[in-house]
Amino acid sequence: MGTAILNGLLNAPPEEANKLPFTRFIACVRSQNSEERLKERFSEHLDKVEVTRGENISAVQKSEVIILGSDPADIETLLSQQGLREAVANRLLISIAAGWTRQKLEQRLYGSETTAINTNGRAWVVRTLPNIAAQVSQSLTAIEASEPALPIEYLEITTAIFRQIGRPVHVDARLMNVTTAVGGSTPAFFAVICDALIDAAVAVGMPRGLAHTMIFQSMQGTATMLQGGVHPALLRDQGTSPEGCTIGGLMVMEEAGVRGHVGRALREAVTLARLMETTEHVNDTRH
């Protein structure tokens, strides 16, 4: 995800790049393989990008905006590094780590949550949730509405960053766990549905490559129409005719309870997203 964000920032169109108050970037990695991979990936931008390994504190000290993009399991260790708390003071710290609330991040850094009266000397922490489509600059990124509110310039910077990899939306804190599933899990759900349709197309004689093209283009066209304001029910009705093939297929889906099962899958994903904040291994046992 960090690589996708960096790629989006480096390739931002001029009118967008002008809204960002920085022109240099430091990518912090842990392994030599990651270091070599990023240097190769961004070889044309090494005048703007510095790739460092094992130098987190130094990198933060040189930066005004920090994106915390480590694996959620490593966040606690990362934030406990000696000198990090001092290094992030009065800076914008943007987290993209699932399962880590802003309050948990602040507790880990300072031993208490940030309030309107103790902001001095602390980082301004903002929680965000991009999704996997950031890899193709089509992410849905939720930006939490913080309390106390971010300074307006930091909110604008955060929004501008995630506009380079898709569409940012501002979400109330109480909806962030729901967004983890609605914005983050649904690409995998759509992928399963596409895979099923492709296999079915192959089963009735369509070459797999052509099935890929047809299913993906149909999905993209449908998404474009829906984003343009067409209601899902209206799109469905416009595509059906009496005794037609589409309504025949839809009836099979209704008889199989597809809508109910898809809805249950999303509710399960939301349940697990909520449990991630309190349970270390949410899938080990369910109470």
Foldseek 3Di string as FASTA:
>chain_A
DVLLLVVLQVPPPPVLVVLAPDQAEEAEDADPVVQVVSCVVVVVCVVRYHYYHPPVLVRLLVDQEAEAEDELVCLLVVLPPPNNFQSQFPGEYEYQYALQDQQNSCCSNPVGGDAPPPNHRGHRYKYKHWEPQSNVLATEMETEQDHVGDDPSSVSNVQSSSNSSHHYDYDYPVCPLLCCLVRYVVVVVVVVVLVVQLVVCVVVPDDSVVSNVVSVVVVVVVVVVVVVPDDPVNVLVVPDDPPDPSVVVVVVCVVVVVVVVVVVVSVVSSVQSVCSNPDVDSPPDDD
